[in-house]
């Protein structure tokens, strides 16, 4: 797990490129995770990207699904 300063630096670098943009699909690609992605994960994360928040070891980016902004693809 990366340390908090690395996560904060990455979030700061990505924010100008991602905030306000539309995440059209979500495709989990790592089958060997300790906890697999739940089937409803795409419906939760797909939408317009807003500001992020820091929850210690986990981080979150808020989304708000907008018209024409949601189409989920799963592998």
PDB file of N, CA and C in Angstrom:
ATOM      1  N   UNK A   1       0.845  -1.166   0.000  1.00  0.00           N
ATOM      2  CA  UNK A   1       0.000   0.000   0.000  1.00  0.00           C
ATOM      3  C   UNK A   1       0.898   1.238   0.000  1.00  0.00           C
ATOM      4  N   UNK A   2       0.612   2.196  -0.899  1.00  0.00           N
ATOM      5  CA  UNK A   2       1.435   3.406  -0.915  1.00  0.00           C
ATOM      6  C   UNK A   2       1.203   4.249   0.334  1.00  0.00           C
ATOM      7  N   UNK A   3       2.211   5.000   0.693  1.00  0.00           N
ATOM      8  CA  UNK A   3       2.107   5.901   1.840  1.00  0.00           C
ATOM      9  C   UNK A   3       1.257   7.115   1.463  1.00  0.00           C
ATOM     10  N   UNK A   4       0.688   7.775   2.451  1.00  0.00           N
ATOM     11  CA  UNK A   4      -0.203   8.907   2.224  1.00  0.00           C
ATOM     12  C   UNK A   4       0.433  10.025   1.391  1.00  0.00           C
ATOM     13  N   UNK A   5       1.698  10.425   1.607  1.00  0.00           N
ATOM     14  CA  UNK A   5       2.260  11.496   0.768  1.00  0.00           C
ATOM     15  C   UNK A   5       2.268  11.152  -0.724  1.00  0.00           C
ATOM     16  N   UNK A   6       2.534   9.887  -1.064  1.00  0.00           N
ATOM     17  CA  UNK A   6       2.513   9.492  -2.475  1.00  0.00           C
ATOM     18  C   UNK A   6       1.099   9.562  -3.039  1.00  0.00           C
ATOM     19  N   UNK A   7       0.117   9.141  -2.254  1.00  0.00           N
ATOM     20  CA  UNK A   7      -1.279   9.185  -2.699  1.00  0.00           C
ATOM     21  C   UNK A   7      -1.718  10.630  -2.886  1.00  0.00           C
ATOM     22  N   UNK A   8      -1.374  11.496  -1.937  1.00  0.00           N
ATOM     23  CA  UNK A   8      -1.734  12.912  -2.033  1.00  0.00           C
ATOM     24  C   UNK A   8      -1.082  13.559  -3.249  1.00  0.00           C
ATOM     25  N   UNK A   9       0.180  13.252  -3.516  1.00  0.00           N
ATOM     26  CA  UNK A   9       0.879  13.824  -4.670  1.00  0.00           C
ATOM     27  C   UNK A   9       0.228  13.369  -5.976  1.00  0.00           C
ATOM     28  N   UNK A  10      -0.139  12.101  -6.060  1.00  0.00           N
ATOM     29  CA  UNK A  10      -0.796  11.584  -7.261  1.00  0.00           C
ATOM     30  C   UNK A  10      -2.166  12.231  -7.445  1.00  0.00           C
ATOM     31  N   UNK A  11      -2.935  12.341  -6.365  1.00  0.00           N
ATOM     32  CA  UNK A  11      -4.256  12.974  -6.444  1.00  0.00           C
ATOM     33  C   UNK A  11      -4.138  14.423  -6.904  1.00  0.00           C
ATOM     34  N   UNK A  12      -3.154  15.149  -6.386  1.00  0.00           N
ATOM     35  CA  UNK A  12      -2.951  16.544  -6.763  1.00  0.00           C
ATOM     36  C   UNK A  12      -2.577  16.658  -8.247  1.00  0.00           C
ATOM     37  N   UNK A  13      -1.773  15.720  -8.735  1.00  0.00           N
ATOM     38  CA  UNK A  13      -1.360  15.758 -10.138  1.00  0.00           C
ATOM     39  C   UNK A  13      -2.511  15.403 -11.082  1.00  0.00           C
ATOM     40  N   UNK A  14      -3.381  14.479 -10.673  1.00  0.00           N
ATOM     41  CA  UNK A  14      -4.475  14.034 -11.539  1.00  0.00           C
ATOM     42  C   UNK A  14      -5.699  14.946 -11.499  1.00  0.00           C
ATOM     43  N   UNK A  15      -5.902  15.647 -10.391  1.00  0.00           N
ATOM     44  CA  UNK A  15      -7.119  16.457 -10.205  1.00  0.00           C
ATOM     45  C   UNK A  15      -7.400  17.401 -11.374  1.00  0.00           C
ATOM     46  N   UNK A  16      -6.432  18.195 -11.870  1.00  0.00           N
ATOM     47  CA  UNK A  16      -6.748  19.111 -12.974  1.00  0.00           C
ATOM     48  C   UNK A  16      -7.176  18.388 -14.254  1.00  0.00           C
ATOM     49  N   UNK A  17      -6.712  17.177 -14.449  1.00  0.00           N
ATOM     50  CA  UNK A  17      -7.034  16.425 -15.659  1.00  0.00           C
ATOM     51  C   UNK A  17      -8.371  15.686 -15.556  1.00  0.00           C
ATOM     52  N   UNK A  18      -8.775  15.317 -14.341  1.00  0.00           N
ATOM     53  CA  UNK A  18      -9.944  14.454 -14.187  1.00  0.00           C
ATOM     54  C   UNK A  18     -11.187  15.126 -13.637  1.00  0.00           C
ATOM     55  N   UNK A  19     -11.044  16.127 -12.791  1.00  0.00           N
ATOM     56  CA  UNK A  19     -12.206  16.727 -12.137  1.00  0.00           C
ATOM     57  C   UNK A  19     -13.162  17.333 -13.160  1.00  0.00           C
ATOM     58  N   UNK A  20     -14.435  16.978 -13.044  1.00  0.00           N
ATOM     59  CA  UNK A  20     -15.458  17.471 -13.953  1.00  0.00           C
ATOM     60  C   UNK A  20     -15.624  16.654 -15.216  1.00  0.00           C
ATOM     61  N   UNK A  21     -14.767  15.687 -15.432  1.00  0.00           N
ATOM     62  CA  UNK A  21     -14.870  14.841 -16.614  1.00  0.00           C
ATOM     63  C   UNK A  21     -15.828  13.695 -16.349  1.00  0.00           C
ATOM     64  N   UNK A  22     -16.193  12.981 -17.395  1.00  0.00           N
ATOM     65  CA  UNK A  22     -17.162  11.898 -17.289  1.00  0.00           C
ATOM     66  C   UNK A  22     -16.470  10.545 -17.380  1.00  0.00           C
ATOM     67  N   UNK A  23     -16.673   9.719 -16.369  1.00  0.00           N
ATOM     68  CA  UNK A  23     -16.182   8.342 -16.398  1.00  0.00           C
ATOM     69  C   UNK A  23     -17.288   7.504 -17.021  1.00  0.00           C
ATOM     70  N   UNK A  24     -17.074   7.032 -18.247  1.00  0.00           N
ATOM     71  CA  UNK A  24     -18.127   6.345 -18.992  1.00  0.00           C
ATOM     72  C   UNK A  24     -18.245   4.867 -18.668  1.00  0.00           C
ATOM     73  N   UNK A  25     -17.158   4.238 -18.269  1.00  0.00           N
ATOM     74  CA  UNK A  25     -17.228   2.811 -17.950  1.00  0.00           C
ATOM     75  C   UNK A  25     -16.168   2.461 -16.924  1.00  0.00           C
ATOM     76  N   UNK A  26     -16.356   1.323 -16.323  1.00  0.00           N
ATOM     77  CA  UNK A  26     -15.452   0.829 -15.291  1.00  0.00           C
ATOM     78  C   UNK A  26     -15.242  -0.648 -15.560  1.00  0.00           C
ATOM     79  N   UNK A  27     -14.001  -1.052 -15.711  1.00  0.00           N
ATOM     80  CA  UNK A  27     -13.697  -2.444 -16.024  1.00  0.00           C
ATOM     81  C   UNK A  27     -12.613  -2.954 -15.080  1.00  0.00           C
ATOM     82  N   UNK A  28     -12.997  -3.749 -14.067  1.00  0.00           N
ATOM     83  CA  UNK A  28     -11.972  -4.306 -13.170  1.00  0.00           C
ATOM     84  C   UNK A  28     -11.109  -5.304 -13.929  1.00  0.00           C
ATOM     85  N   UNK A  29      -9.800  -5.191 -13.791  1.00  0.00           N
ATOM     86  CA  UNK A  29      -8.901  -6.057 -14.556  1.00  0.00           C
ATOM     87  C   UNK A  29      -8.009  -6.931 -13.699  1.00  0.00           C
ATOM     88  N   UNK A  30      -8.082  -6.815 -12.390  1.00  0.00           N
ATOM     89  CA  UNK A  30      -7.215  -7.620 -11.533  1.00  0.00           C
ATOM     90  C   UNK A  30      -8.028  -8.706 -10.856  1.00  0.00           C
ATOM     91  N   UNK A  31      -7.931  -9.908 -11.379  1.00  0.00           N
ATOM     92  CA  UNK A  31      -8.719 -11.020 -10.851  1.00  0.00           C
ATOM     93  C   UNK A  31      -8.190 -11.511  -9.512  1.00  0.00           C
ATOM     94  N   UNK A  32      -6.915 -11.311  -9.207  1.00  0.00           N
ATOM     95  CA  UNK A  32      -6.315 -11.879  -8.012  1.00  0.00           C
ATOM     96  C   UNK A  32      -6.356 -10.985  -6.787  1.00  0.00           C
ATOM     97  N   UNK A  33      -7.302 -10.062  -6.717  1.00  0.00           N
ATOM     98  CA  UNK A  33      -7.383  -9.185  -5.554  1.00  0.00           C
ATOM     99  C   UNK A  33      -7.859  -9.950  -4.329  1.00  0.00           C
ATOM    100  N   UNK A  34      -7.428  -9.492  -3.167  1.00  0.00           N
ATOM    101  CA  UNK A  34      -7.835 -10.137  -1.916  1.00  0.00           C
ATOM    102  C   UNK A  34      -9.349 -10.072  -1.765  1.00  0.00           C
ATOM    103  N   UNK A  35      -9.926  -8.923  -2.079  1.00  0.00           N
ATOM    104  CA  UNK A  35     -11.381  -8.764  -2.085  1.00  0.00           C
ATOM    105  C   UNK A  35     -11.778  -8.341  -3.491  1.00  0.00           C
ATOM    106  N   UNK A  36     -12.538  -9.156  -4.223  1.00  0.00           N
ATOM    107  CA  UNK A  36     -12.904  -8.791  -5.598  1.00  0.00           C
ATOM    108  C   UNK A  36     -13.858  -7.598  -5.628  1.00  0.00           C
ATOM    109  N   UNK A  37     -13.890  -6.922  -6.774  1.00  0.00           N
ATOM    110  CA  UNK A  37     -14.832  -5.825  -6.949  1.00  0.00           C
ATOM    111  C   UNK A  37     -16.246  -6.379  -6.888  1.00  0.00           C
ATOM    112  N   UNK A  38     -17.153  -5.716  -6.180  1.00  0.00           N
ATOM    113  CA  UNK A  38     -18.539  -6.180  -6.154  1.00  0.00           C
ATOM    114  C   UNK A  38     -19.201  -5.908  -7.503  1.00  0.00           C
ATOM    115  N   UNK A  39     -20.202  -6.692  -7.876  1.00  0.00           N
ATOM    116  CA  UNK A  39     -20.862  -6.500  -9.173  1.00  0.00           C
ATOM    117  C   UNK A  39     -21.431  -5.090  -9.356  1.00  0.00           C
ATOM    118  N   UNK A  40     -21.842  -4.440  -8.275  1.00  0.00           N
ATOM    119  CA  UNK A  40     -22.439  -3.107  -8.391  1.00  0.00           C
ATOM    120  C   UNK A  40     -21.396  -1.987  -8.424  1.00  0.00           C
ATOM    121  N   UNK A  41     -20.118  -2.318  -8.458  1.00  0.00           N
ATOM    122  CA  UNK A  41     -19.061  -1.301  -8.429  1.00  0.00           C
ATOM    123  C   UNK A  41     -19.162  -0.339  -9.607  1.00  0.00           C
ATOM    124  N   UNK A  42     -19.474  -0.837 -10.798  1.00  0.00           N
ATOM    125  CA  UNK A  42     -19.564   0.041 -11.967  1.00  0.00           C
ATOM    126  C   UNK A  42     -20.647   1.087 -11.781  1.00  0.00           C
ATOM    127  N   UNK A  43     -21.790   0.692 -11.252  1.00  0.00           N
ATOM    128  CA  UNK A  43     -22.886   1.643 -11.052  1.00  0.00           C
ATOM    129  C   UNK A  43     -22.513   2.706 -10.023  1.00  0.00           C
ATOM    130  N   UNK A  44     -21.637   2.373  -9.099  1.00  0.00           N
ATOM    131  CA  UNK A  44     -21.243   3.318  -8.056  1.00  0.00           C
ATOM    132  C   UNK A  44     -20.226   4.324  -8.580  1.00  0.00           C
ATOM    133  N   UNK A  45     -19.242   3.886  -9.358  1.00  0.00           N
ATOM    134  CA  UNK A  45     -18.145   4.776  -9.754  1.00  0.00           C
ATOM    135  C   UNK A  45     -18.343   5.484 -11.075  1.00  0.00           C
ATOM    136  N   UNK A  46     -19.252   5.019 -11.931  1.00  0.00           N
ATOM    137  CA  UNK A  46     -19.440   5.653 -13.232  1.00  0.00           C
ATOM    138  C   UNK A  46     -20.239   6.937 -13.061  1.00  0.00           C
ATOM    139  N   UNK A  47     -19.784   8.003 -13.676  1.00  0.00           N
ATOM    140  CA  UNK A  47     -20.478   9.286 -13.617  1.00  0.00           C
ATOM    141  C   UNK A  47     -19.507  10.439 -13.740  1.00  0.00           C
ATOM    142  N   UNK A  48     -19.950  11.621 -13.390  1.00  0.00           N
ATOM    143  CA  UNK A  48     -19.105  12.805 -13.471  1.00  0.00           C
ATOM    144  C   UNK A  48     -18.195  12.853 -12.256  1.00  0.00           C
ATOM    145  N   UNK A  49     -16.893  13.024 -12.480  1.00  0.00           N
ATOM    146  CA  UNK A  49     -15.932  13.025 -11.380  1.00  0.00           C
ATOM    147  C   UNK A  49     -15.940  14.365 -10.664  1.00  0.00           C
ATOM    148  N   UNK A  50     -16.035  14.298  -9.352  1.00  0.00           N
ATOM    149  CA  UNK A  50     -16.010  15.508  -8.535  1.00  0.00           C
ATOM    150  C   UNK A  50     -14.748  15.525  -7.704  1.00  0.00           C
ATOM    151  N   UNK A  51     -14.807  16.184  -6.582  1.00  0.00           N
ATOM    152  CA  UNK A  51     -13.647  16.261  -5.705  1.00  0.00           C
ATOM    153  C   UNK A  51     -13.418  14.963  -4.970  1.00  0.00           C
ATOM    154  N   UNK A  52     -12.211  14.743  -4.552  1.00  0.00           N
ATOM    155  CA  UNK A  52     -11.866  13.539  -3.817  1.00  0.00           C
ATOM    156  C   UNK A  52     -11.825  13.798  -2.329  1.00  0.00           C
ATOM    157  N   UNK A  53     -11.798  12.725  -1.578  1.00  0.00           N
ATOM    158  CA  UNK A  53     -11.652  12.849  -0.133  1.00  0.00           C
ATOM    159  C   UNK A  53     -10.689  11.785   0.338  1.00  0.00           C
ATOM    160  N   UNK A  54     -10.072  12.022   1.459  1.00  0.00           N
ATOM    161  CA  UNK A  54      -9.076  11.099   1.973  1.00  0.00           C
ATOM    162  C   UNK A  54      -9.613  10.441   3.227  1.00  0.00           C
ATOM    163  N   UNK A  55      -9.628   9.104   3.209  1.00  0.00           N
ATOM    164  CA  UNK A  55     -10.105   8.370   4.372  1.00  0.00           C
ATOM    165  C   UNK A  55      -9.007   7.541   4.988  1.00  0.00           C
ATOM    166  N   UNK A  56      -7.815   8.100   5.120  1.00  0.00           N
ATOM    167  CA  UNK A  56      -6.701   7.344   5.686  1.00  0.00           C
ATOM    168  C   UNK A  56      -6.166   6.370   4.658  1.00  0.00           C
ATOM    169  N   UNK A  57      -6.220   5.056   4.939  1.00  0.00           N
ATOM    170  CA  UNK A  57      -5.670   4.097   3.988  1.00  0.00           C
ATOM    171  C   UNK A  57      -6.495   3.955   2.722  1.00  0.00           C
ATOM    172  N   UNK A  58      -7.712   4.512   2.686  1.00  0.00           N
ATOM    173  CA  UNK A  58      -8.501   4.433   1.465  1.00  0.00           C
ATOM    174  C   UNK A  58      -8.851   5.839   1.008  1.00  0.00           C
ATOM    175  N   UNK A  59      -8.932   6.029  -0.300  1.00  0.00           N
ATOM    176  CA  UNK A  59      -9.300   7.324  -0.851  1.00  0.00           C
ATOM    177  C   UNK A  59     -10.560   7.157  -1.668  1.00  0.00           C
ATOM    178  N   UNK A  60     -11.259   8.261  -1.898  1.00  0.00           N
ATOM    179  CA  UNK A  60     -12.521   8.199  -2.605  1.00  0.00           C
ATOM    180  C   UNK A  60     -12.629   9.398  -3.520  1.00  0.00           C
ATOM    181  N   UNK A  61     -13.154   9.190  -4.723  1.00  0.00           N
ATOM    182  CA  UNK A  61     -13.472  10.286  -5.622  1.00  0.00           C
ATOM    183  C   UNK A  61     -14.969  10.251  -5.841  1.00  0.00           C
ATOM    184  N   UNK A  62     -15.643  11.366  -5.616  1.00  0.00           N
ATOM    185  CA  UNK A  62     -17.091  11.374  -5.737  1.00  0.00           C
ATOM    186  C   UNK A  62     -17.498  11.462  -7.196  1.00  0.00           C
ATOM    187  N   UNK A  63     -18.633  10.844  -7.524  1.00  0.00           N
ATOM    188  CA  UNK A  63     -19.182  10.923  -8.871  1.00  0.00           C
ATOM    189  C   UNK A  63     -20.633  11.336  -8.779  1.00  0.00           C
ATOM    190  N   UNK A  64     -21.120  11.889  -9.849  1.00  0.00           N
ATOM    191  CA  UNK A  64     -22.522  12.252  -9.949  1.00  0.00           C
ATOM    192  C   UNK A  64     -22.954  11.894 -11.353  1.00  0.00           C
ATOM    193  N   UNK A  65     -23.730  10.841 -11.479  1.00  0.00           N
ATOM    194  CA  UNK A  65     -24.146  10.371 -12.800  1.00  0.00           C
ATOM    195  C   UNK A  65     -25.005  11.432 -13.468  1.00  0.00           C
ATOM    196  N   UNK A  66     -24.663  11.740 -14.688  1.00  0.00           N
ATOM    197  CA  UNK A  66     -25.420  12.727 -15.441  1.00  0.00           C
ATOM    198  C   UNK A  66     -26.030  12.094 -16.671  1.00  0.00           C
ATOM    199  N   UNK A  67     -26.908  12.812 -17.376  1.00  0.00           N
ATOM    200  CA  UNK A  67     -27.525  12.243 -18.569  1.00  0.00           C
ATOM    201  C   UNK A  67     -26.477  11.929 -19.628  1.00  0.00           C
ATOM    202  N   UNK A  68     -26.557  10.761 -20.188  1.00  0.00           N
ATOM    203  CA  UNK A  68     -25.604  10.336 -21.208  1.00  0.00           C
ATOM    204  C   UNK A  68     -24.231  10.049 -20.659  1.00  0.00           C
ATOM    205  N   UNK A  69     -24.128   9.927 -19.365  1.00  0.00           N
ATOM    206  CA  UNK A  69     -22.824   9.789 -18.737  1.00  0.00           C
ATOM    207  C   UNK A  69     -22.582   8.376 -18.221  1.00  0.00           C
ATOM    208  N   UNK A  70     -23.550   7.516 -18.315  1.00  0.00           N
ATOM    209  CA  UNK A  70     -23.391   6.186 -17.723  1.00  0.00           C
ATOM    210  C   UNK A  70     -23.526   5.084 -18.760  1.00  0.00           C
ATOM    211  N   UNK A  71     -22.462   4.355 -18.971  1.00  0.00           N
ATOM    212  CA  UNK A  71     -22.539   3.104 -19.718  1.00  0.00           C
ATOM    213  C   UNK A  71     -21.463   2.210 -19.144  1.00  0.00           C
ATOM    214  N   UNK A  72     -21.864   1.105 -18.574  1.00  0.00           N
ATOM    215  CA  UNK A  72     -20.936   0.231 -17.860  1.00  0.00           C
ATOM    216  C   UNK A  72     -20.480  -0.909 -18.754  1.00  0.00           C
ATOM    217  N   UNK A  73     -19.203  -1.231 -18.683  1.00  0.00           N
ATOM    218  CA  UNK A  73     -18.693  -2.406 -19.383  1.00  0.00           C
ATOM    219  C   UNK A  73     -17.952  -3.270 -18.387  1.00  0.00           C
ATOM    220  N   UNK A  74     -18.201  -4.544 -18.407  1.00  0.00           N
ATOM    221  CA  UNK A  74     -17.546  -5.493 -17.502  1.00  0.00           C
ATOM    222  C   UNK A  74     -16.863  -6.569 -18.316  1.00  0.00           C
ATOM    223  N   UNK A  75     -15.688  -6.978 -17.870  1.00  0.00           N
ATOM    224  CA  UNK A  75     -14.959  -8.053 -18.550  1.00  0.00           C
ATOM    225  C   UNK A  75     -15.438  -9.390 -18.031  1.00  0.00           C
TER     226      UNK A  75
END
